[in-house]
Amino acid sequence: MAAPSAPTIRPAEASETPALAQLWERSARAGFGPLLPGDFAWPAADGTRIAESIAGFDTRVLVADSDDAIAGYATLGPARDDDLDCGELRSLFVDPSHWRGGAAHMLVRDGFAWLATAGYNRAIVWSFKANERANAFYERWGFRADGREATLAEFSDLLAWRLAAPLSAPVTRATANAG
């Protein structure tokens, strides 16, 4: 079987909301499942939130296409935390069949560029503290814990932490290819 082609990045379209919600479910189950209790009741994918982000004037949803399929997506916008004035990588989900294929790297790269164009010089991301795989990826992008933590009731009170990075963090494809 041939390896997936290198992804291309583009803005999401409203008609893709159902496909993005399905991708969220596959990615979240594969990435978060090992962190959660075995009897965890998964929340439904929030298609409304995805659609609002696509339509938003101050948000952007980027899609990674690979081999005529959506390999992943990232949602970006102003930080939702009241104590900050910076950009936020609000979500980053890649289909497990495309993990380590460059989609996450390219989504963050283009997302950082979009946030910089929007006038931000740094970004935050919230990540589950126990999600070592994702956190290692974010660290390669220059993200570091800033001391803020919260538990998420909808994810069995799993502890999340806020990471912050300058948008100028130099990362090459070779060093960031974890997603």
Protein backbone atom coordinates (compact mmCIF):
# COMPACT_ATOMS: atom_id res chain seq x y z
CA MET A 1 0.00 0.00 0.00
CA ALA A 2 1.36 3.42 -0.95
CA ALA A 3 2.04 6.03 1.71
CA PRO A 4 -0.44 8.92 1.83
CA SER A 5 0.51 11.94 -0.26
CA ALA A 6 1.78 15.09 1.44
CA PRO A 7 -1.19 17.07 2.71
CA THR A 8 -2.29 20.41 1.34
CA ILE A 9 -3.85 23.03 3.61
CA ARG A 10 -6.91 25.14 2.81
CA PRO A 11 -9.82 26.85 4.61
CA ALA A 12 -12.70 24.57 5.56
CA GLU A 13 -16.07 24.86 3.84
CA ALA A 14 -19.41 24.82 5.68
CA SER A 15 -20.49 21.73 3.75
CA GLU A 16 -17.63 19.80 5.36
CA THR A 17 -18.97 20.16 8.92
CA PRO A 18 -20.33 16.56 9.10
CA ALA A 19 -17.03 15.12 7.81
CA LEU A 20 -15.05 17.21 10.33
CA ALA A 21 -17.31 16.04 13.17
CA GLN A 22 -16.72 12.42 12.14
CA LEU A 23 -12.98 13.04 11.97
CA TRP A 24 -13.13 14.53 15.49
CA GLU A 25 -14.76 11.34 16.77
CA ARG A 26 -12.11 9.06 15.21
CA SER A 27 -9.21 11.22 16.34
CA ALA A 28 -10.55 11.93 19.84
CA ARG A 29 -11.28 8.26 20.51
CA ALA A 30 -7.80 7.21 19.35
CA GLY A 31 -5.96 10.04 21.11
CA PHE A 32 -7.99 10.51 24.29
CA GLY A 33 -9.36 6.97 24.74
CA PRO A 34 -6.27 5.65 26.55
CA LEU A 35 -6.53 8.55 29.02
CA LEU A 36 -10.16 7.90 29.98
CA PRO A 37 -11.97 5.24 32.03
CA GLY A 38 -13.12 2.19 30.09
CA ASP A 39 -16.79 2.98 30.68
CA PHE A 40 -16.45 6.58 29.52
CA ALA A 41 -19.55 7.90 27.71
CA TRP A 42 -18.22 9.83 24.72
CA PRO A 43 -19.81 13.21 24.03
CA ALA A 44 -21.20 13.72 20.56
CA ALA A 45 -19.03 15.68 18.17
CA ASP A 46 -19.99 19.34 18.32
CA GLY A 47 -20.90 20.06 14.70
CA THR A 48 -22.49 23.35 15.72
CA ARG A 49 -19.20 24.61 17.16
CA ILE A 50 -17.34 23.54 14.02
CA ALA A 51 -19.90 25.27 11.77
CA GLU A 52 -19.77 28.47 13.86
CA SER A 53 -15.98 28.48 13.64
CA ILE A 54 -16.08 28.06 9.87
CA ALA A 55 -18.56 30.95 9.57
CA GLY A 56 -16.89 33.16 12.19
CA PHE A 57 -15.32 36.47 11.21
CA ASP A 58 -12.47 36.14 13.75
CA THR A 59 -11.92 32.38 13.54
CA ARG A 60 -10.46 30.10 10.92
CA VAL A 61 -10.80 26.38 10.37
CA LEU A 62 -8.00 24.93 8.27
CA VAL A 63 -8.26 21.53 6.63
CA ALA A 64 -5.45 19.20 5.60
CA ASP A 65 -6.30 17.26 2.44
CA SER A 66 -4.39 14.11 1.53
CA ASP A 67 -5.30 11.70 -1.25
CA ASP A 68 -8.68 13.37 -1.85
CA ALA A 69 -9.69 12.94 1.80
CA ILE A 70 -9.66 15.22 4.82
CA ALA A 71 -6.66 14.14 6.88
CA GLY A 72 -7.13 16.67 9.70
CA TYR A 73 -8.27 20.10 10.75
CA ALA A 74 -7.31 22.93 13.08
CA THR A 75 -9.48 25.68 14.53
CA LEU A 76 -7.89 29.04 15.34
CA GLY A 77 -9.00 32.37 16.70
CA PRO A 78 -8.54 34.84 19.51
CA ALA A 79 -7.84 33.26 22.90
CA ARG A 80 -11.06 32.48 24.72
CA ASP A 81 -9.43 32.98 28.14
CA ASP A 82 -10.25 36.34 29.73
CA ASP A 83 -6.74 36.80 31.12
CA LEU A 84 -5.02 36.80 27.71
CA ASP A 85 -4.81 38.83 24.52
CA CYS A 86 -3.27 36.38 22.07
CA GLY A 87 -4.25 33.80 19.51
CA GLU A 88 -5.41 30.28 20.26
CA LEU A 89 -5.04 26.94 18.55
CA ARG A 90 -8.53 25.92 19.64
CA SER A 91 -8.46 22.43 18.21
CA LEU A 92 -6.14 20.16 16.26
CA PHE A 93 -7.43 16.79 15.13
CA VAL A 94 -5.87 14.42 12.61
CA ASP A 95 -7.40 11.17 11.43
CA PRO A 96 -5.39 8.34 13.04
CA SER A 97 -4.70 6.87 9.58
CA HIS A 98 -2.75 10.08 8.85
CA TRP A 99 -0.84 10.39 12.13
CA ARG A 100 2.86 11.09 11.55
CA GLY A 101 2.12 12.04 7.94
CA GLY A 102 2.76 15.77 8.32
CA ALA A 103 -0.85 17.00 8.52
CA ALA A 104 -0.59 18.30 12.11
CA HIS A 105 2.70 20.03 11.35
CA MET A 106 1.31 21.77 8.29
CA LEU A 107 -1.91 22.76 10.08
CA VAL A 108 0.02 24.37 12.95
CA ARG A 109 2.47 26.02 10.55
CA ASP A 110 -0.31 27.59 8.50
CA GLY A 111 -2.35 28.29 11.63
CA PHE A 112 0.56 30.20 13.18
CA ALA A 113 0.87 32.20 9.95
CA TRP A 114 -2.85 33.03 10.03
CA LEU A 115 -2.68 34.10 13.69
CA ALA A 116 0.36 36.29 12.95
CA THR A 117 -1.49 37.91 10.05
CA ALA A 118 -4.38 38.56 12.46
CA GLY A 119 -1.94 40.56 14.61
CA TYR A 120 -0.99 38.06 17.31
CA ASN A 121 2.58 37.40 18.39
CA ARG A 122 1.87 34.35 20.54
CA ALA A 123 -0.65 31.55 20.81
CA ILE A 124 -2.05 29.20 23.41
CA VAL A 125 -3.41 25.68 23.23
CA TRP A 126 -5.19 23.64 25.90
CA SER A 127 -4.09 20.01 26.08
CA PHE A 128 -4.77 17.14 28.43
CA LYS A 129 -1.82 16.99 30.79
CA ALA A 130 -1.65 13.20 30.51
CA ASN A 131 -1.57 13.31 26.68
CA GLU A 132 2.18 12.86 26.34
CA ARG A 133 2.05 12.35 22.58
CA ALA A 134 0.24 15.63 21.91
CA ASN A 135 2.25 17.55 24.49
CA ALA A 136 5.54 16.42 22.95
CA PHE A 137 4.26 17.65 19.57
CA TYR A 138 3.29 21.04 21.05
CA GLU A 139 6.65 21.35 22.82
CA ARG A 140 8.43 20.99 19.47
CA TRP A 141 6.43 24.04 18.37
CA GLY A 142 7.71 26.05 21.33
CA PHE A 143 4.64 25.63 23.55
CA ARG A 144 5.36 25.64 27.28
CA ALA A 145 3.02 25.32 30.26
CA ASP A 146 2.05 28.75 31.61
CA GLY A 147 0.68 27.57 34.98
CA ARG A 148 -3.05 27.55 34.19
CA GLU A 149 -4.87 24.22 34.61
CA ALA A 150 -8.50 23.11 34.52
CA THR A 151 -10.51 19.91 34.60
CA LEU A 152 -13.04 19.13 31.91
CA ALA A 153 -16.24 17.58 33.24
CA GLU A 154 -17.27 16.35 29.78
CA PHE A 155 -14.05 14.30 29.70
CA SER A 156 -14.36 12.61 33.09
CA ASP A 157 -12.66 15.54 34.89
CA LEU A 158 -9.41 14.93 33.03
CA LEU A 159 -6.82 17.57 33.88
CA ALA A 160 -5.90 19.97 31.06
CA TRP A 161 -3.16 22.56 31.05
CA ARG A 162 -2.65 25.69 29.02
CA LEU A 163 0.48 25.93 26.89
CA ALA A 164 1.76 29.13 25.28
CA ALA A 165 4.20 29.71 22.42
CA PRO A 166 5.61 32.62 20.47
CA LEU A 167 4.40 32.54 16.89
CA SER A 168 7.99 32.86 15.73
CA ALA A 169 8.91 29.44 17.14
CA PRO A 170 11.25 27.93 14.53
CA VAL A 171 10.25 24.36 13.71
CA THR A 172 11.13 22.30 10.70
CA ARG A 173 9.08 19.48 9.23
CA ALA A 174 11.73 16.99 10.36
CA THR A 175 11.55 18.05 14.03
CA ALA A 176 7.79 18.59 14.28
CA ASN A 177 6.45 15.55 12.45
CA ALA A 178 4.60 13.88 15.30
CA GLY A 179 1.05 14.39 14.14
